[in-house]
Amino acid sequence: MGKHSDNAAEAVLDPGRLASIVEAVSGVVEMEAGIESWRRTIDDRFFHRNNDKRAQPGLIIDKEQHFVTVEVALESTARIVKVVDDIQKAVKEALQDALPADASDYTVLVRVQSIH
């Protein structure tokens, strides 16, 4: 069961798919990587050479800690609290599709890197 769940999670939690889901939220300009996601991406991909796709610029999926970090740029006219809430809901829905039993255990942190 764990193996199947991990495969399903990777399919739905693919960073490219999650980035598309996040960028579709009204008020989001784009994913905008911060220092932490760049550090993890470089560490995971280049130093460990394990091609870990859970850490991408602008998005970190930590399955062990049940934590997702999303880093974004928002429109200057957007209501920030509403957009952050909408991003969290969209990511939680993607988690629910992938991990119905574990989705409620996940925390989604949204970091607003800039406002355009």
PDB file of N, CA and C in Angstrom:
ATOM      1  N   MET A   1       0.823  -1.190   0.000  1.00  0.00           N
ATOM      2  CA  MET A   1       0.000   0.000   0.000  1.00  0.00           C
ATOM      3  C   MET A   1       0.864   1.250   0.000  1.00  0.00           C
ATOM      4  N   GLY A   2       1.911   1.296   0.831  1.00  0.00           N
ATOM      5  CA  GLY A   2       2.774   2.468   0.883  1.00  0.00           C
ATOM      6  C   GLY A   2       3.403   2.776  -0.459  1.00  0.00           C
ATOM      7  N   LYS A   3       3.820   1.731  -1.163  1.00  0.00           N
ATOM      8  CA  LYS A   3       4.451   1.931  -2.469  1.00  0.00           C
ATOM      9  C   LYS A   3       3.455   2.538  -3.446  1.00  0.00           C
ATOM     10  N   HIS A   4       2.220   2.017  -3.459  1.00  0.00           N
ATOM     11  CA  HIS A   4       1.199   2.543  -4.357  1.00  0.00           C
ATOM     12  C   HIS A   4       0.872   3.995  -4.009  1.00  0.00           C
ATOM     13  N   SER A   5       0.732   4.277  -2.724  1.00  0.00           N
ATOM     14  CA  SER A   5       0.436   5.645  -2.292  1.00  0.00           C
ATOM     15  C   SER A   5       1.536   6.604  -2.700  1.00  0.00           C
ATOM     16  N   ASP A   6       2.803   6.177  -2.560  1.00  0.00           N
ATOM     17  CA  ASP A   6       3.906   7.040  -2.955  1.00  0.00           C
ATOM     18  C   ASP A   6       3.854   7.337  -4.445  1.00  0.00           C
ATOM     19  N   ASN A   7       3.571   6.328  -5.273  1.00  0.00           N
ATOM     20  CA  ASN A   7       3.475   6.544  -6.715  1.00  0.00           C
ATOM     21  C   ASN A   7       2.333   7.480  -7.054  1.00  0.00           C
ATOM     22  N   ALA A   8       1.190   7.305  -6.417  1.00  0.00           N
ATOM     23  CA  ALA A   8       0.056   8.194  -6.665  1.00  0.00           C
ATOM     24  C   ALA A   8       0.389   9.610  -6.225  1.00  0.00           C
ATOM     25  N   ALA A   9       1.065   9.737  -5.096  1.00  0.00           N
ATOM     26  CA  ALA A   9       1.432  11.065  -4.607  1.00  0.00           C
ATOM     27  C   ALA A   9       2.369  11.753  -5.577  1.00  0.00           C
ATOM     28  N   GLU A  10       3.357  11.021  -6.085  1.00  0.00           N
ATOM     29  CA  GLU A  10       4.304  11.624  -7.020  1.00  0.00           C
ATOM     30  C   GLU A  10       3.600  12.092  -8.285  1.00  0.00           C
ATOM     31  N   ALA A  11       2.580  11.346  -8.748  1.00  0.00           N
ATOM     32  CA  ALA A  11       1.868  11.723  -9.972  1.00  0.00           C
ATOM     33  C   ALA A  11       1.116  13.029  -9.768  1.00  0.00           C
ATOM     34  N   VAL A  12       0.375  13.150  -8.673  1.00  0.00           N
ATOM     35  CA  VAL A  12      -0.423  14.344  -8.433  1.00  0.00           C
ATOM     36  C   VAL A  12       0.426  15.464  -7.861  1.00  0.00           C
ATOM     37  N   LEU A  13       1.423  15.124  -7.062  1.00  0.00           N
ATOM     38  CA  LEU A  13       2.238  16.136  -6.416  1.00  0.00           C
ATOM     39  C   LEU A  13       3.455  16.520  -7.244  1.00  0.00           C
ATOM     40  N   ASP A  14       3.452  16.165  -8.494  1.00  0.00           N
ATOM     41  CA  ASP A  14       4.520  16.585  -9.390  1.00  0.00           C
ATOM     42  C   ASP A  14       4.639  18.104  -9.302  1.00  0.00           C
ATOM     43  N   PRO A  15       5.840  18.614  -9.073  1.00  0.00           N
ATOM     44  CA  PRO A  15       6.013  20.056  -8.920  1.00  0.00           C
ATOM     45  C   PRO A  15       5.492  20.877 -10.098  1.00  0.00           C
ATOM     46  N   GLY A  16       5.655  20.372 -11.306  1.00  0.00           N
ATOM     47  CA  GLY A  16       5.133  21.097 -12.465  1.00  0.00           C
ATOM     48  C   GLY A  16       3.623  21.219 -12.420  1.00  0.00           C
ATOM     49  N   ARG A  17       2.963  20.129 -12.039  1.00  0.00           N
ATOM     50  CA  ARG A  17       1.497  20.148 -11.928  1.00  0.00           C
ATOM     51  C   ARG A  17       1.063  21.073 -10.791  1.00  0.00           C
ATOM     52  N   LEU A  18       1.730  20.964  -9.657  1.00  0.00           N
ATOM     53  CA  LEU A  18       1.369  21.841  -8.539  1.00  0.00           C
ATOM     54  C   LEU A  18       1.624  23.307  -8.880  1.00  0.00           C
ATOM     55  N   ALA A  19       2.710  23.595  -9.572  1.00  0.00           N
ATOM     56  CA  ALA A  19       2.987  24.976  -9.985  1.00  0.00           C
ATOM     57  C   ALA A  19       1.867  25.484 -10.885  1.00  0.00           C
ATOM     58  N   SER A  20       1.389  24.646 -11.791  1.00  0.00           N
ATOM     59  CA  SER A  20       0.283  25.044 -12.669  1.00  0.00           C
ATOM     60  C   SER A  20      -0.985  25.313 -11.869  1.00  0.00           C
ATOM     61  N   ILE A  21      -1.243  24.466 -10.880  1.00  0.00           N
ATOM     62  CA  ILE A  21      -2.414  24.656 -10.024  1.00  0.00           C
ATOM     63  C   ILE A  21      -2.300  25.975  -9.272  1.00  0.00           C
ATOM     64  N   VAL A  22      -1.130  26.235  -8.701  1.00  0.00           N
ATOM     65  CA  VAL A  22      -0.919  27.475  -7.940  1.00  0.00           C
ATOM     66  C   VAL A  22      -1.018  28.692  -8.852  1.00  0.00           C
ATOM     67  N   GLU A  23      -0.370  28.634 -10.017  1.00  0.00           N
ATOM     68  CA  GLU A  23      -0.376  29.783 -10.927  1.00  0.00           C
ATOM     69  C   GLU A  23      -1.754  30.057 -11.514  1.00  0.00           C
ATOM     70  N   ALA A  24      -2.660  29.086 -11.450  1.00  0.00           N
ATOM     71  CA  ALA A  24      -4.027  29.286 -11.932  1.00  0.00           C
ATOM     72  C   ALA A  24      -4.893  30.041 -10.920  1.00  0.00           C
ATOM     73  N   VAL A  25      -4.415  30.177  -9.696  1.00  0.00           N
ATOM     74  CA  VAL A  25      -5.165  30.896  -8.667  1.00  0.00           C
ATOM     75  C   VAL A  25      -5.175  32.382  -9.011  1.00  0.00           C
ATOM     76  N   SER A  26      -6.346  32.969  -8.970  1.00  0.00           N
ATOM     77  CA  SER A  26      -6.489  34.392  -9.269  1.00  0.00           C
ATOM     78  C   SER A  26      -5.647  35.225  -8.301  1.00  0.00           C
ATOM     79  N   GLY A  27      -4.842  36.135  -8.853  1.00  0.00           N
ATOM     80  CA  GLY A  27      -3.983  36.991  -8.046  1.00  0.00           C
ATOM     81  C   GLY A  27      -2.531  36.558  -8.026  1.00  0.00           C
ATOM     82  N   VAL A  28      -2.259  35.331  -8.474  1.00  0.00           N
ATOM     83  CA  VAL A  28      -0.881  34.833  -8.526  1.00  0.00           C
ATOM     84  C   VAL A  28      -0.266  35.240  -9.855  1.00  0.00           C
ATOM     85  N   VAL A  29       0.905  35.874  -9.804  1.00  0.00           N
ATOM     86  CA  VAL A  29       1.635  36.232 -11.019  1.00  0.00           C
ATOM     87  C   VAL A  29       2.431  35.030 -11.500  1.00  0.00           C
ATOM     88  N   GLU A  30       3.211  34.431 -10.584  1.00  0.00           N
ATOM     89  CA  GLU A  30       4.056  33.289 -10.936  1.00  0.00           C
ATOM     90  C   GLU A  30       4.647  32.683  -9.678  1.00  0.00           C
ATOM     91  N   MET A  31       5.223  31.494  -9.843  1.00  0.00           N
ATOM     92  CA  MET A  31       6.028  30.913  -8.779  1.00  0.00           C
ATOM     93  C   MET A  31       7.304  31.750  -8.723  1.00  0.00           C
ATOM     94  N   GLU A  32       7.755  32.070  -7.524  1.00  0.00           N
ATOM     95  CA  GLU A  32       8.978  32.870  -7.385  1.00  0.00           C
ATOM     96  C   GLU A  32       9.830  32.262  -6.279  1.00  0.00           C
ATOM     97  N   ALA A  33      10.889  31.615  -6.688  1.00  0.00           N
ATOM     98  CA  ALA A  33      11.726  30.870  -5.749  1.00  0.00           C
ATOM     99  C   ALA A  33      12.409  31.774  -4.737  1.00  0.00           C
ATOM    100  N   GLY A  34      12.471  31.268  -3.519  1.00  0.00           N
ATOM    101  CA  GLY A  34      13.221  31.917  -2.461  1.00  0.00           C
ATOM    102  C   GLY A  34      14.496  31.136  -2.186  1.00  0.00           C
ATOM    103  N   ILE A  35      15.230  31.588  -1.219  1.00  0.00           N
ATOM    104  CA  ILE A  35      16.518  30.977  -0.895  1.00  0.00           C
ATOM    105  C   ILE A  35      16.361  29.513  -0.487  1.00  0.00           C
ATOM    106  N   GLU A  36      15.364  29.208   0.321  1.00  0.00           N
ATOM    107  CA  GLU A  36      15.206  27.838   0.822  1.00  0.00           C
ATOM    108  C   GLU A  36      14.940  26.841  -0.300  1.00  0.00           C
ATOM    109  N   SER A  37      14.033  27.164  -1.209  1.00  0.00           N
ATOM    110  CA  SER A  37      13.753  26.195  -2.277  1.00  0.00           C
ATOM    111  C   SER A  37      14.924  26.077  -3.245  1.00  0.00           C
ATOM    112  N   TRP A  38      15.648  27.177  -3.483  1.00  0.00           N
ATOM    113  CA  TRP A  38      16.849  27.079  -4.325  1.00  0.00           C
ATOM    114  C   TRP A  38      17.902  26.215  -3.647  1.00  0.00           C
ATOM    115  N   ARG A  39      18.100  26.413  -2.349  1.00  0.00           N
ATOM    116  CA  ARG A  39      19.090  25.627  -1.611  1.00  0.00           C
ATOM    117  C   ARG A  39      18.742  24.140  -1.659  1.00  0.00           C
ATOM    118  N   ARG A  40      17.502  23.819  -1.396  1.00  0.00           N
ATOM    119  CA  ARG A  40      17.094  22.409  -1.417  1.00  0.00           C
ATOM    120  C   ARG A  40      17.209  21.807  -2.804  1.00  0.00           C
ATOM    121  N   THR A  41      16.839  22.568  -3.807  1.00  0.00           N
ATOM    122  CA  THR A  41      16.919  22.065  -5.177  1.00  0.00           C
ATOM    123  C   THR A  41      18.361  21.769  -5.551  1.00  0.00           C
ATOM    124  N   ILE A  42      19.242  22.705  -5.257  1.00  0.00           N
ATOM    125  CA  ILE A  42      20.661  22.505  -5.573  1.00  0.00           C
ATOM    126  C   ILE A  42      21.217  21.327  -4.782  1.00  0.00           C
ATOM    127  N   ASP A  43      20.914  21.278  -3.499  1.00  0.00           N
ATOM    128  CA  ASP A  43      21.398  20.191  -2.651  1.00  0.00           C
ATOM    129  C   ASP A  43      20.892  18.838  -3.147  1.00  0.00           C
ATOM    130  N   ASP A  44      19.602  18.729  -3.388  1.00  0.00           N
ATOM    131  CA  ASP A  44      19.018  17.449  -3.787  1.00  0.00           C
ATOM    132  C   ASP A  44      19.434  17.005  -5.178  1.00  0.00           C
ATOM    133  N   ARG A  45      19.480  17.926  -6.092  1.00  0.00           N
ATOM    134  CA  ARG A  45      19.724  17.542  -7.481  1.00  0.00           C
ATOM    135  C   ARG A  45      21.193  17.439  -7.845  1.00  0.00           C
ATOM    136  N   PHE A  46      22.000  18.348  -7.327  1.00  0.00           N
ATOM    137  CA  PHE A  46      23.385  18.389  -7.772  1.00  0.00           C
ATOM    138  C   PHE A  46      24.354  17.699  -6.821  1.00  0.00           C
ATOM    139  N   PHE A  47      24.200  17.944  -5.534  1.00  0.00           N
ATOM    140  CA  PHE A  47      25.141  17.356  -4.591  1.00  0.00           C
ATOM    141  C   PHE A  47      24.830  15.890  -4.311  1.00  0.00           C
ATOM    142  N   HIS A  48      23.565  15.577  -4.146  1.00  0.00           N
ATOM    143  CA  HIS A  48      23.190  14.186  -3.888  1.00  0.00           C
ATOM    144  C   HIS A  48      22.923  13.419  -5.177  1.00  0.00           C
ATOM    145  N   ARG A  49      22.753  14.144  -6.255  1.00  0.00           N
ATOM    146  CA  ARG A  49      22.522  13.554  -7.577  1.00  0.00           C
ATOM    147  C   ARG A  49      21.423  12.496  -7.567  1.00  0.00           C
ATOM    148  N   ASN A  50      20.379  12.764  -6.781  1.00  0.00           N
ATOM    149  CA  ASN A  50      19.289  11.796  -6.718  1.00  0.00           C
ATOM    150  C   ASN A  50      18.070  12.248  -7.513  1.00  0.00           C
ATOM    151  N   ASN A  51      18.191  13.376  -8.193  1.00  0.00           N
ATOM    152  CA  ASN A  51      17.107  13.891  -9.029  1.00  0.00           C
ATOM    153  C   ASN A  51      15.797  13.958  -8.252  1.00  0.00           C
ATOM    154  N   ASP A  52      15.863  14.376  -7.009  1.00  0.00           N
ATOM    155  CA  ASP A  52      14.687  14.477  -6.157  1.00  0.00           C
ATOM    156  C   ASP A  52      13.781  15.576  -6.679  1.00  0.00           C
ATOM    157  N   LYS A  53      12.607  15.204  -7.124  1.00  0.00           N
ATOM    158  CA  LYS A  53      11.700  16.163  -7.733  1.00  0.00           C
ATOM    159  C   LYS A  53      10.743  16.798  -6.724  1.00  0.00           C
ATOM    160  N   ARG A  54      10.907  16.484  -5.445  1.00  0.00           N
ATOM    161  CA  ARG A  54      10.059  17.118  -4.442  1.00  0.00           C
ATOM    162  C   ARG A  54      10.515  18.530  -4.127  1.00  0.00           C
ATOM    163  N   ALA A  55      11.763  18.858  -4.417  1.00  0.00           N
ATOM    164  CA  ALA A  55      12.278  20.203  -4.165  1.00  0.00           C
ATOM    165  C   ALA A  55      12.555  20.867  -5.506  1.00  0.00           C
ATOM    166  N   GLN A  56      11.808  21.892  -5.787  1.00  0.00           N
ATOM    167  CA  GLN A  56      11.929  22.655  -7.027  1.00  0.00           C
ATOM    168  C   GLN A  56      11.960  24.133  -6.659  1.00  0.00           C
ATOM    169  N   PRO A  57      12.561  24.959  -7.486  1.00  0.00           N
ATOM    170  CA  PRO A  57      12.512  26.395  -7.206  1.00  0.00           C
ATOM    171  C   PRO A  57      11.061  26.861  -7.071  1.00  0.00           C
ATOM    172  N   GLY A  58      10.739  27.415  -5.918  1.00  0.00           N
ATOM    173  CA  GLY A  58       9.395  27.920  -5.663  1.00  0.00           C
ATOM    174  C   GLY A  58       8.450  26.919  -5.031  1.00  0.00           C
ATOM    175  N   LEU A  59       8.885  25.677  -4.877  1.00  0.00           N
ATOM    176  CA  LEU A  59       7.995  24.653  -4.338  1.00  0.00           C
ATOM    177  C   LEU A  59       8.809  23.570  -3.645  1.00  0.00           C
ATOM    178  N   ILE A  60       8.441  23.286  -2.400  1.00  0.00           N
ATOM    179  CA  ILE A  60       9.090  22.213  -1.650  1.00  0.00           C
ATOM    180  C   ILE A  60       8.000  21.288  -1.127  1.00  0.00           C
ATOM    181  N   ILE A  61       8.114  20.017  -1.455  1.00  0.00           N
ATOM    182  CA  ILE A  61       7.186  19.007  -0.963  1.00  0.00           C
ATOM    183  C   ILE A  61       7.977  18.095  -0.031  1.00  0.00           C
ATOM    184  N   ASP A  62       7.664  18.156   1.236  1.00  0.00           N
ATOM    185  CA  ASP A  62       8.355  17.331   2.224  1.00  0.00           C
ATOM    186  C   ASP A  62       7.376  16.273   2.736  1.00  0.00           C
ATOM    187  N   LYS A  63       7.428  15.088   2.127  1.00  0.00           N
ATOM    188  CA  LYS A  63       6.489  14.024   2.488  1.00  0.00           C
ATOM    189  C   LYS A  63       6.743  13.485   3.888  1.00  0.00           C
ATOM    190  N   GLU A  64       7.985  13.485   4.328  1.00  0.00           N
ATOM    191  CA  GLU A  64       8.298  12.968   5.658  1.00  0.00           C
ATOM    192  C   GLU A  64       7.708  13.861   6.752  1.00  0.00           C
ATOM    193  N   GLN A  65       7.785  15.164   6.556  1.00  0.00           N
ATOM    194  CA  GLN A  65       7.270  16.112   7.546  1.00  0.00           C
ATOM    195  C   GLN A  65       5.824  16.526   7.271  1.00  0.00           C
ATOM    196  N   HIS A  66       5.242  16.043   6.153  1.00  0.00           N
ATOM    197  CA  HIS A  66       3.882  16.430   5.741  1.00  0.00           C
ATOM    198  C   HIS A  66       3.771  17.948   5.632  1.00  0.00           C
ATOM    199  N   PHE A  67       4.674  18.515   4.848  1.00  0.00           N
ATOM    200  CA  PHE A  67       4.775  19.973   4.743  1.00  0.00           C
ATOM    201  C   PHE A  67       5.017  20.361   3.287  1.00  0.00           C
ATOM    202  N   VAL A  68       4.254  21.329   2.799  1.00  0.00           N
ATOM    203  CA  VAL A  68       4.451  21.871   1.451  1.00  0.00           C
ATOM    204  C   VAL A  68       4.688  23.367   1.585  1.00  0.00           C
ATOM    205  N   THR A  69       5.762  23.852   0.971  1.00  0.00           N
ATOM    206  CA  THR A  69       6.054  25.283   0.943  1.00  0.00           C
ATOM    207  C   THR A  69       5.905  25.765  -0.491  1.00  0.00           C
ATOM    208  N   VAL A  70       5.128  26.837  -0.654  1.00  0.00           N
ATOM    209  CA  VAL A  70       4.885  27.436  -1.965  1.00  0.00           C
ATOM    210  C   VAL A  70       5.388  28.874  -1.913  1.00  0.00           C
ATOM    211  N   GLU A  71       6.226  29.261  -2.873  1.00  0.00           N
ATOM    212  CA  GLU A  71       6.775  30.621  -2.925  1.00  0.00           C
ATOM    213  C   GLU A  71       6.274  31.291  -4.200  1.00  0.00           C
ATOM    214  N   VAL A  72       5.612  32.439  -4.027  1.00  0.00           N
ATOM    215  CA  VAL A  72       4.936  33.074  -5.159  1.00  0.00           C
ATOM    216  C   VAL A  72       5.140  34.582  -5.203  1.00  0.00           C
ATOM    217  N   ALA A  73       4.871  35.121  -6.397  1.00  0.00           N
ATOM    218  CA  ALA A  73       4.738  36.565  -6.592  1.00  0.00           C
ATOM    219  C   ALA A  73       3.252  36.815  -6.824  1.00  0.00           C
ATOM    220  N   LEU A  74       2.721  37.874  -6.217  1.00  0.00           N
ATOM    221  CA  LEU A  74       1.301  38.191  -6.348  1.00  0.00           C
ATOM    222  C   LEU A  74       1.096  39.515  -7.065  1.00  0.00           C
ATOM    223  N   GLU A  75      -0.104  39.668  -7.628  1.00  0.00           N
ATOM    224  CA  GLU A  75      -0.482  40.929  -8.258  1.00  0.00           C
ATOM    225  C   GLU A  75      -0.663  41.987  -7.175  1.00  0.00           C
ATOM    226  N   SER A  76      -0.309  43.218  -7.500  1.00  0.00           N
ATOM    227  CA  SER A  76      -0.412  44.299  -6.510  1.00  0.00           C
ATOM    228  C   SER A  76      -1.860  44.604  -6.141  1.00  0.00           C
ATOM    229  N   THR A  77      -2.793  44.278  -7.017  1.00  0.00           N
ATOM    230  CA  THR A  77      -4.203  44.564  -6.744  1.00  0.00           C
ATOM    231  C   THR A  77      -4.896  43.424  -6.003  1.00  0.00           C
ATOM    232  N   ALA A  78      -4.195  42.340  -5.785  1.00  0.00           N
ATOM    233  CA  ALA A  78      -4.797  41.165  -5.154  1.00  0.00           C
ATOM    234  C   ALA A  78      -4.973  41.368  -3.652  1.00  0.00           C
ATOM    235  N   ARG A  79      -6.016  40.761  -3.118  1.00  0.00           N
ATOM    236  CA  ARG A  79      -6.196  40.715  -1.665  1.00  0.00           C
ATOM    237  C   ARG A  79      -5.330  39.559  -1.164  1.00  0.00           C
ATOM    238  N   ILE A  80      -4.224  39.906  -0.552  1.00  0.00           N
ATOM    239  CA  ILE A  80      -3.183  38.937  -0.217  1.00  0.00           C
ATOM    240  C   ILE A  80      -3.702  37.782   0.636  1.00  0.00           C
ATOM    241  N   VAL A  81      -4.443  38.082   1.679  1.00  0.00           N
ATOM    242  CA  VAL A  81      -4.930  37.025   2.565  1.00  0.00           C
ATOM    243  C   VAL A  81      -5.834  36.059   1.802  1.00  0.00           C
ATOM    244  N   LYS A  82      -6.683  36.580   0.933  1.00  0.00           N
ATOM    245  CA  LYS A  82      -7.574  35.728   0.141  1.00  0.00           C
ATOM    246  C   LYS A  82      -6.784  34.858  -0.830  1.00  0.00           C
ATOM    247  N   VAL A  83      -5.799  35.444  -1.503  1.00  0.00           N
ATOM    248  CA  VAL A  83      -5.001  34.672  -2.460  1.00  0.00           C
ATOM    249  C   VAL A  83      -4.224  33.568  -1.737  1.00  0.00           C
ATOM    250  N   VAL A  84      -3.632  33.888  -0.615  1.00  0.00           N
ATOM    251  CA  VAL A  84      -2.895  32.880   0.162  1.00  0.00           C
ATOM    252  C   VAL A  84      -3.838  31.752   0.576  1.00  0.00           C
ATOM    253  N   ASP A  85      -5.028  32.104   1.038  1.00  0.00           N
ATOM    254  CA  ASP A  85      -6.022  31.100   1.416  1.00  0.00           C
ATOM    255  C   ASP A  85      -6.408  30.236   0.214  1.00  0.00           C
ATOM    256  N   ASP A  86      -6.612  30.866  -0.942  1.00  0.00           N
ATOM    257  CA  ASP A  86      -6.965  30.125  -2.160  1.00  0.00           C
ATOM    258  C   ASP A  86      -5.841  29.179  -2.591  1.00  0.00           C
ATOM    259  N   ILE A  87      -4.589  29.626  -2.454  1.00  0.00           N
ATOM    260  CA  ILE A  87      -3.444  28.766  -2.785  1.00  0.00           C
ATOM    261  C   ILE A  87      -3.423  27.556  -1.851  1.00  0.00           C
ATOM    262  N   GLN A  88      -3.591  27.807  -0.561  1.00  0.00           N
ATOM    263  CA  GLN A  88      -3.584  26.706   0.401  1.00  0.00           C
ATOM    264  C   GLN A  88      -4.690  25.701   0.095  1.00  0.00           C
ATOM    265  N   LYS A  89      -5.881  26.194  -0.232  1.00  0.00           N
ATOM    266  CA  LYS A  89      -7.000  25.302  -0.561  1.00  0.00           C
ATOM    267  C   LYS A  89      -6.712  24.495  -1.824  1.00  0.00           C
ATOM    268  N   ALA A  90      -6.143  25.135  -2.839  1.00  0.00           N
ATOM    269  CA  ALA A  90      -5.844  24.440  -4.099  1.00  0.00           C
ATOM    270  C   ALA A  90      -4.817  23.332  -3.883  1.00  0.00           C
ATOM    271  N   VAL A  91      -3.788  23.623  -3.094  1.00  0.00           N
ATOM    272  CA  VAL A  91      -2.764  22.610  -2.818  1.00  0.00           C
ATOM    273  C   VAL A  91      -3.361  21.485  -1.977  1.00  0.00           C
ATOM    274  N   LYS A  92      -4.171  21.824  -0.994  1.00  0.00           N
ATOM    275  CA  LYS A  92      -4.823  20.805  -0.160  1.00  0.00           C
ATOM    276  C   LYS A  92      -5.710  19.894  -1.004  1.00  0.00           C
ATOM    277  N   GLU A  93      -6.416  20.463  -2.002  1.00  0.00           N
ATOM    278  CA  GLU A  93      -7.245  19.642  -2.892  1.00  0.00           C
ATOM    279  C   GLU A  93      -6.377  18.667  -3.688  1.00  0.00           C
ATOM    280  N   ALA A  94      -5.229  19.132  -4.164  1.00  0.00           N
ATOM    281  CA  ALA A  94      -4.308  18.243  -4.884  1.00  0.00           C
ATOM    282  C   ALA A  94      -3.796  17.140  -3.958  1.00  0.00           C
ATOM    283  N   LEU A  95      -3.512  17.499  -2.719  1.00  0.00           N
ATOM    284  CA  LEU A  95      -3.086  16.499  -1.738  1.00  0.00           C
ATOM    285  C   LEU A  95      -4.200  15.493  -1.469  1.00  0.00           C
ATOM    286  N   GLN A  96      -5.425  15.988  -1.378  1.00  0.00           N
ATOM    287  CA  GLN A  96      -6.573  15.110  -1.126  1.00  0.00           C
ATOM    288  C   GLN A  96      -6.727  14.088  -2.246  1.00  0.00           C
ATOM    289  N   ASP A  97      -6.503  14.521  -3.479  1.00  0.00           N
ATOM    290  CA  ASP A  97      -6.574  13.598  -4.616  1.00  0.00           C
ATOM    291  C   ASP A  97      -5.495  12.520  -4.523  1.00  0.00           C
ATOM    292  N   ALA A  98      -4.308  12.908  -4.082  1.00  0.00           N
ATOM    293  CA  ALA A  98      -3.178  11.975  -4.046  1.00  0.00           C
ATOM    294  C   ALA A  98      -3.148  11.124  -2.786  1.00  0.00           C
ATOM    295  N   LEU A  99      -3.456  11.751  -1.671  1.00  0.00           N
ATOM    296  CA  LEU A  99      -3.307  11.085  -0.374  1.00  0.00           C
ATOM    297  C   LEU A  99      -4.556  11.268   0.471  1.00  0.00           C
ATOM    298  N   PRO A 100      -5.673  10.671   0.095  1.00  0.00           N
ATOM    299  CA  PRO A 100      -6.919  10.923   0.820  1.00  0.00           C
ATOM    300  C   PRO A 100      -6.810  10.687   2.325  1.00  0.00           C
ATOM    301  N   ALA A 101      -6.031   9.696   2.732  1.00  0.00           N
ATOM    302  CA  ALA A 101      -5.912   9.388   4.160  1.00  0.00           C
ATOM    303  C   ALA A 101      -4.982  10.348   4.892  1.00  0.00           C
ATOM    304  N   ASP A 102      -4.015  10.935   4.185  1.00  0.00           N
ATOM    305  CA  ASP A 102      -2.990  11.753   4.832  1.00  0.00           C
ATOM    306  C   ASP A 102      -3.104  13.250   4.565  1.00  0.00           C
ATOM    307  N   ALA A 103      -3.958  13.662   3.647  1.00  0.00           N
ATOM    308  CA  ALA A 103      -3.998  15.066   3.220  1.00  0.00           C
ATOM    309  C   ALA A 103      -4.234  16.023   4.379  1.00  0.00           C
ATOM    310  N   SER A 104      -5.081  15.649   5.316  1.00  0.00           N
ATOM    311  CA  SER A 104      -5.375  16.558   6.428  1.00  0.00           C
ATOM    312  C   SER A 104      -4.175  16.738   7.355  1.00  0.00           C
ATOM    313  N   ASP A 105      -3.197  15.836   7.270  1.00  0.00           N
ATOM    314  CA  ASP A 105      -1.990  15.954   8.089  1.00  0.00           C
ATOM    315  C   ASP A 105      -0.991  16.961   7.529  1.00  0.00           C
ATOM    316  N   TYR A 106      -1.170  17.371   6.277  1.00  0.00           N
ATOM    317  CA  TYR A 106      -0.219  18.267   5.627  1.00  0.00           C
ATOM    318  C   TYR A 106      -0.465  19.719   6.012  1.00  0.00           C
ATOM    319  N   THR A 107       0.623  20.452   6.163  1.00  0.00           N
ATOM    320  CA  THR A 107       0.583  21.896   6.355  1.00  0.00           C
ATOM    321  C   THR A 107       1.077  22.525   5.065  1.00  0.00           C
ATOM    322  N   VAL A 108       0.377  23.563   4.611  1.00  0.00           N
ATOM    323  CA  VAL A 108       0.775  24.278   3.397  1.00  0.00           C
ATOM    324  C   VAL A 108       1.169  25.692   3.798  1.00  0.00           C
ATOM    325  N   LEU A 109       2.447  26.009   3.627  1.00  0.00           N
ATOM    326  CA  LEU A 109       2.974  27.337   3.924  1.00  0.00           C
ATOM    327  C   LEU A 109       3.130  28.090   2.610  1.00  0.00           C
ATOM    328  N   VAL A 110       2.557  29.285   2.544  1.00  0.00           N
ATOM    329  CA  VAL A 110       2.697  30.128   1.355  1.00  0.00           C
ATOM    330  C   VAL A 110       3.575  31.311   1.724  1.00  0.00           C
ATOM    331  N   ARG A 111       4.664  31.467   0.990  1.00  0.00           N
ATOM    332  CA  ARG A 111       5.554  32.618   1.179  1.00  0.00           C
ATOM    333  C   ARG A 111       5.356  33.563   0.003  1.00  0.00           C
ATOM    334  N   VAL A 112       4.944  34.775   0.303  1.00  0.00           N
ATOM    335  CA  VAL A 112       4.803  35.788  -0.741  1.00  0.00           C
ATOM    336  C   VAL A 112       6.163  36.454  -0.884  1.00  0.00           C
ATOM    337  N   GLN A 113       6.837  36.175  -1.999  1.00  0.00           N
ATOM    338  CA  GLN A 113       8.183  36.675  -2.233  1.00  0.00           C
ATOM    339  C   GLN A 113       8.178  38.116  -2.730  1.00  0.00           C
ATOM    340  N   SER A 114       7.163  38.459  -3.527  1.00  0.00           N
ATOM    341  CA  SER A 114       7.077  39.831  -4.030  1.00  0.00           C
ATOM    342  C   SER A 114       5.657  40.121  -4.485  1.00  0.00           C
ATOM    343  N   ILE A 115       5.401  41.409  -4.650  1.00  0.00           N
ATOM    344  CA  ILE A 115       4.104  41.879  -5.145  1.00  0.00           C
ATOM    345  C   ILE A 115       4.386  42.764  -6.340  1.00  0.00           C
ATOM    346  N   HIS A 116       3.776  42.420  -7.465  1.00  0.00           N
ATOM    347  CA  HIS A 116       4.011  43.154  -8.718  1.00  0.00           C
ATOM    348  C   HIS A 116       2.857  44.089  -9.013  1.00  0.00           C
TER     349      HIS A 116
END
